[in-house]
């Protein structure tokens, strides 16, 4: 399946009417299965689905990276199956969970069956890691160079991994901001990139589930172009994650653990 499609439309304005063609992103139902059992069905962009399946499995606790044995993508008439094969002990533990639902791209908590699962306990990250203020503030602009689907459609989100002194080393796009982050986490895992040494960069707001996924990926810094929610700030603070938002034009606002933002070169006098 192609990630974009050209669609005709009518453009109307003070100057009159004209026919236009727009490249729009596709979204398709993607079923994530583990050892033949469907765990979730999400609406996704049909790209980098191996990364999505691995990242989704990692952030949802289906399996650890070393327990994921293989992944295959199967196109079917009704959509796509991302088939994961995981170690037997992981599959047995997963058997007690039920997570199978269809959700819109804006929903990051589709399929959970209790309020407790929505606010699950998270590990607390250590206080290591830092990023230069100038690099952090410029990160969303740097990420723009890694968004070809956005350039074509203006309708998708992106997530990138910023490494100190190296810039954006990995990026993924999707119609869903949660999916883009899962794809990034999966891609980094498959490439053996240590996310604890860098920062996640988002084109979206910072909500609870984005903090949860960042923590479970072991990344200590989350940089976004938009605002965090109040609950996301509380969660990040407790989990030891630095949330830096409104990153643009050389500025940002650090809501939690600001010591990771290196401002040593700035004259504060």
Protein backbone atom coordinates (compact mmCIF):
# COMPACT_ATOMS: atom_id res chain seq x y z
CA UNK A 1 0.00 0.00 0.00
CA UNK A 2 1.27 3.45 -0.89
CA UNK A 3 1.60 6.01 1.94
CA UNK A 4 -0.01 8.85 -0.03
CA UNK A 5 -2.60 9.27 -2.75
CA UNK A 6 -3.45 12.15 -5.08
CA UNK A 7 -7.05 13.31 -4.54
CA UNK A 8 -8.98 15.89 -6.56
CA UNK A 9 -10.76 18.77 -4.85
CA UNK A 10 -12.42 22.05 -5.66
CA UNK A 11 -10.69 25.21 -4.42
CA UNK A 12 -13.00 28.16 -3.80
CA UNK A 13 -12.10 31.72 -2.85
CA UNK A 14 -12.62 35.39 -3.72
CA UNK A 15 -10.82 34.84 -7.02
CA UNK A 16 -13.26 32.14 -8.05
CA UNK A 17 -13.17 28.36 -8.30
CA UNK A 18 -10.58 25.96 -9.65
CA UNK A 19 -9.79 22.25 -9.60
CA UNK A 20 -6.78 21.13 -7.55
CA UNK A 21 -5.06 17.85 -6.76
CA UNK A 22 -3.72 17.20 -3.28
CA UNK A 23 -1.42 14.46 -2.03
CA UNK A 24 -3.11 13.09 1.08
CA UNK A 25 -1.77 10.52 3.55
CA UNK A 26 -3.32 7.08 3.59
CA UNK A 27 -4.41 5.50 6.85
CA UNK A 28 -5.14 1.80 7.07
CA UNK A 29 -6.11 -0.60 9.85
CA UNK A 30 -3.04 -2.44 11.10
CA UNK A 31 -3.52 -5.47 13.33
CA UNK A 32 -0.60 -6.21 15.62
CA UNK A 33 -0.51 -9.93 16.40
CA UNK A 34 1.75 -11.90 18.73
CA UNK A 35 2.16 -15.57 17.96
CA UNK A 36 -1.08 -15.51 15.98
CA UNK A 37 -3.19 -13.67 18.55
CA UNK A 38 -4.39 -10.14 17.75
CA UNK A 39 -3.38 -7.66 20.44
CA UNK A 40 -4.50 -4.36 18.91
CA UNK A 41 -5.83 -2.83 15.71
CA UNK A 42 -4.72 0.74 15.08
CA UNK A 43 -5.15 3.16 12.18
CA UNK A 44 -1.66 3.87 10.79
CA UNK A 45 0.27 5.16 7.83
CA UNK A 46 1.32 2.06 5.82
CA UNK A 47 5.07 2.72 6.16
CA UNK A 48 7.78 1.37 8.49
CA UNK A 49 5.32 -1.13 9.92
CA UNK A 50 8.04 -3.48 11.14
CA UNK A 51 9.29 -0.60 13.29
CA UNK A 52 5.73 0.14 14.45
CA UNK A 53 5.07 -3.46 15.47
CA UNK A 54 8.31 -3.73 17.43
CA UNK A 55 7.92 -0.32 19.06
CA UNK A 56 4.28 -0.94 19.95
CA UNK A 57 5.21 -4.30 21.49
CA UNK A 58 7.97 -2.69 23.54
CA UNK A 59 5.95 0.26 24.82
CA UNK A 60 2.86 -1.82 25.56
CA UNK A 61 4.85 -4.45 27.43
CA UNK A 62 4.10 -7.35 25.11
CA UNK A 63 7.74 -8.43 25.06
CA UNK A 64 11.27 -7.20 25.65
CA UNK A 65 13.49 -6.56 22.64
CA UNK A 66 15.40 -9.83 23.07
CA UNK A 67 12.08 -11.73 23.26
CA UNK A 68 10.97 -10.57 19.78
CA UNK A 69 12.08 -13.32 17.44
CA UNK A 70 10.74 -12.07 14.10
CA UNK A 71 8.22 -9.75 12.47
CA UNK A 72 6.44 -9.97 9.12
CA UNK A 73 4.02 -7.63 7.37
CA UNK A 74 1.11 -9.22 5.51
CA UNK A 75 -1.22 -7.18 3.29
CA UNK A 76 -4.81 -8.43 3.35
CA UNK A 77 -7.96 -7.23 1.64
CA UNK A 78 -9.24 -5.58 4.83
CA UNK A 79 -5.93 -4.08 5.95
CA UNK A 80 -2.49 -5.14 7.12
CA UNK A 81 -1.30 -7.61 9.71
CA UNK A 82 1.96 -6.93 11.52
CA UNK A 83 2.79 -10.40 12.78
CA UNK A 84 5.20 -10.65 15.68
CA UNK A 85 6.65 -13.92 16.86
CA UNK A 86 7.80 -13.71 20.44
CA UNK A 87 9.42 -16.05 22.94
CA UNK A 88 7.13 -18.57 24.58
CA UNK A 89 7.45 -17.09 28.07
CA UNK A 90 6.43 -13.66 26.77
CA UNK A 91 3.49 -15.15 24.89
CA UNK A 92 2.31 -16.99 28.01
CA UNK A 93 2.44 -13.78 30.06
CA UNK A 94 0.59 -11.92 27.33
CA UNK A 95 -2.17 -14.50 27.21
CA UNK A 96 -3.78 -13.03 30.31
CA UNK A 97 -4.12 -9.62 28.72
CA UNK A 98 -6.91 -8.62 26.40
CA UNK A 99 -6.14 -5.71 24.14
CA UNK A 100 -7.99 -5.82 20.85
CA UNK A 101 -9.90 -2.81 19.52
CA UNK A 102 -10.18 -0.39 16.65
CA UNK A 103 -9.26 3.18 17.52
CA UNK A 104 -8.90 6.53 15.76
CA UNK A 105 -5.45 7.92 15.07
CA UNK A 106 -5.80 10.50 17.85
CA UNK A 107 -6.27 7.88 20.55
CA UNK A 108 -3.24 6.59 22.40
CA UNK A 109 -5.09 4.43 24.91
CA UNK A 110 -7.27 2.35 22.60
CA UNK A 111 -8.08 -1.12 23.85
CA UNK A 112 -7.18 -0.87 27.52
CA UNK A 113 -9.86 -2.34 29.74
CA UNK A 114 -9.36 -0.55 33.05
CA UNK A 115 -8.58 2.89 34.43
CA UNK A 116 -5.58 1.38 36.21
CA UNK A 117 -4.02 0.44 32.85
CA UNK A 118 -4.36 4.03 31.67
CA UNK A 119 -2.22 5.24 34.59
CA UNK A 120 0.19 2.32 34.88
CA UNK A 121 3.24 2.48 37.10
CA UNK A 122 6.43 3.55 35.36
CA UNK A 123 10.09 3.03 36.17
CA UNK A 124 12.04 6.05 37.41
CA UNK A 125 14.90 7.04 35.11
CA UNK A 126 18.27 8.09 36.49
CA UNK A 127 19.44 11.68 36.27
CA UNK A 128 22.11 11.05 33.63
CA UNK A 129 21.99 12.62 30.19
CA UNK A 130 21.95 16.21 29.00
CA UNK A 131 21.39 18.23 25.86
CA UNK A 132 22.68 21.65 24.87
CA UNK A 133 20.02 24.36 25.01
CA UNK A 134 20.70 25.54 21.46
CA UNK A 135 20.43 21.98 20.09
CA UNK A 136 17.25 21.29 22.07
CA UNK A 137 15.55 24.54 21.05
CA UNK A 138 16.39 23.95 17.38
CA UNK A 139 15.44 20.25 17.41
CA UNK A 140 11.92 20.58 15.93
CA UNK A 141 13.29 22.69 13.08
CA UNK A 142 16.04 20.12 12.46
CA UNK A 143 13.43 17.36 12.48
CA UNK A 144 11.64 19.10 9.61
CA UNK A 145 14.39 17.92 7.27
CA UNK A 146 13.35 14.34 8.09
CA UNK A 147 9.65 14.68 7.24
CA UNK A 148 9.18 13.93 3.53
CA UNK A 149 5.59 12.75 3.99
CA UNK A 150 4.71 15.96 5.83
CA UNK A 151 6.26 18.01 3.03
CA UNK A 152 4.01 16.18 0.58
CA UNK A 153 0.76 16.11 2.56
CA UNK A 154 0.99 18.56 5.51
CA UNK A 155 -1.05 16.01 7.46
CA UNK A 156 1.28 13.73 9.45
CA UNK A 157 3.29 13.81 12.67
CA UNK A 158 6.92 12.89 13.23
CA UNK A 159 9.11 11.67 16.08
CA UNK A 160 12.90 11.79 16.01
CA UNK A 161 15.87 10.82 18.15
CA UNK A 162 18.27 13.70 18.81
CA UNK A 163 21.77 12.66 19.85
CA UNK A 164 24.22 15.18 21.37
CA UNK A 165 26.67 16.38 18.74
CA UNK A 166 25.06 14.25 16.01
CA UNK A 167 21.66 15.82 15.39
CA UNK A 168 18.60 13.75 14.43
CA UNK A 169 19.87 10.21 13.87
CA UNK A 170 16.50 8.49 13.37
CA UNK A 171 13.01 9.72 12.51
CA UNK A 172 9.64 8.22 11.64
CA UNK A 173 6.32 9.68 10.42
CA UNK A 174 2.69 8.63 10.76
CA UNK A 175 -0.82 10.07 10.71
CA UNK A 176 -0.94 9.26 14.42
CA UNK A 177 1.51 10.93 16.78
CA UNK A 178 1.54 7.85 19.03
CA UNK A 179 2.25 5.64 16.04
CA UNK A 180 5.12 7.87 14.94
CA UNK A 181 6.71 7.51 18.39
CA UNK A 182 6.19 3.75 18.42
CA UNK A 183 7.80 3.55 14.98
CA UNK A 184 10.77 5.57 16.22
CA UNK A 185 11.21 3.38 19.29
CA UNK A 186 10.97 0.24 17.19
CA UNK A 187 13.43 1.57 14.61
CA UNK A 188 15.94 2.50 17.32
CA UNK A 189 15.57 -0.90 18.93
CA UNK A 190 16.10 -2.73 15.65
CA UNK A 191 19.14 -0.55 14.90
CA UNK A 192 20.60 -0.98 18.42
CA UNK A 193 20.47 2.77 19.07
CA UNK A 194 20.60 3.54 22.78
CA UNK A 195 17.80 6.03 23.38
CA UNK A 196 19.03 6.70 26.92
CA UNK A 197 21.83 8.79 25.40
CA UNK A 198 19.57 11.17 23.47
CA UNK A 199 16.25 12.99 23.40
CA UNK A 200 12.91 12.26 21.77
CA UNK A 201 11.68 15.13 19.58
CA UNK A 202 7.96 15.45 18.74
CA UNK A 203 5.95 17.54 16.33
CA UNK A 204 2.95 17.26 18.64
CA UNK A 205 1.80 18.12 22.13
CA UNK A 206 3.05 16.07 25.08
CA UNK A 207 0.28 13.94 26.56
CA UNK A 208 0.37 11.20 29.17
CA UNK A 209 0.85 8.34 26.74
CA UNK A 210 3.74 10.09 24.98
CA UNK A 211 5.52 10.38 28.32
CA UNK A 212 4.76 6.73 29.09
CA UNK A 213 6.25 5.54 25.80
CA UNK A 214 9.33 7.74 26.24
CA UNK A 215 9.95 6.38 29.74
CA UNK A 216 9.55 2.77 28.63
CA UNK A 217 12.03 3.43 25.83
CA UNK A 218 14.50 4.57 28.50
CA UNK A 219 14.89 8.06 27.04
CA UNK A 220 15.38 10.79 29.67
CA UNK A 221 14.51 13.88 27.59
CA UNK A 222 11.34 14.73 25.66
CA UNK A 223 11.30 17.83 23.44
CA UNK A 224 8.13 19.06 21.74
CA UNK A 225 7.05 21.96 19.61
CA UNK A 226 3.70 22.20 21.46
CA UNK A 227 2.50 22.22 25.06
CA UNK A 228 2.35 19.39 27.57
CA UNK A 229 -0.77 18.52 29.51
CA UNK A 230 -0.70 19.09 33.26
CA UNK A 231 -0.97 15.36 33.93
CA UNK A 232 1.89 14.66 31.54
CA UNK A 233 4.06 17.09 33.50
CA UNK A 234 3.22 15.37 36.80
CA UNK A 235 3.94 11.94 35.29
CA UNK A 236 7.23 13.05 33.74
CA UNK A 237 8.35 14.68 36.97
CA UNK A 238 7.73 11.49 38.95
CA UNK A 239 9.41 9.31 36.31
CA UNK A 240 12.52 11.47 36.07
CA UNK A 241 11.94 12.68 32.51
CA UNK A 242 12.83 16.17 31.31
CA UNK A 243 9.92 17.70 29.39
CA UNK A 244 10.90 20.69 27.25
CA UNK A 245 8.05 22.23 25.26
CA UNK A 246 7.37 25.20 22.97
CA UNK A 247 10.78 24.55 21.39
CA UNK A 248 11.12 27.03 18.56
CA UNK A 249 13.11 30.10 17.49
CA UNK A 250 16.00 29.33 19.83
CA UNK A 251 13.81 29.07 22.92
CA UNK A 252 12.06 26.41 24.95
CA UNK A 253 10.30 25.98 28.29
CA UNK A 254 11.49 23.18 30.61
CA UNK A 255 8.66 21.92 32.82
CA UNK A 256 10.47 19.08 34.61
CA UNK A 257 14.07 18.24 35.52
CA UNK A 258 15.57 21.31 33.78
CA UNK A 259 19.10 20.39 34.87
CA UNK A 260 19.42 18.21 31.76
CA UNK A 261 19.18 21.32 29.57
CA UNK A 262 22.79 22.53 29.41
CA UNK A 263 22.83 26.33 29.65
CA UNK A 264 26.47 26.66 30.66
CA UNK A 265 27.35 28.78 27.64
CA UNK A 266 24.67 31.38 28.40
CA UNK A 267 25.58 34.56 30.28
CA UNK A 268 22.80 34.79 32.85
CA UNK A 269 24.06 38.10 34.23
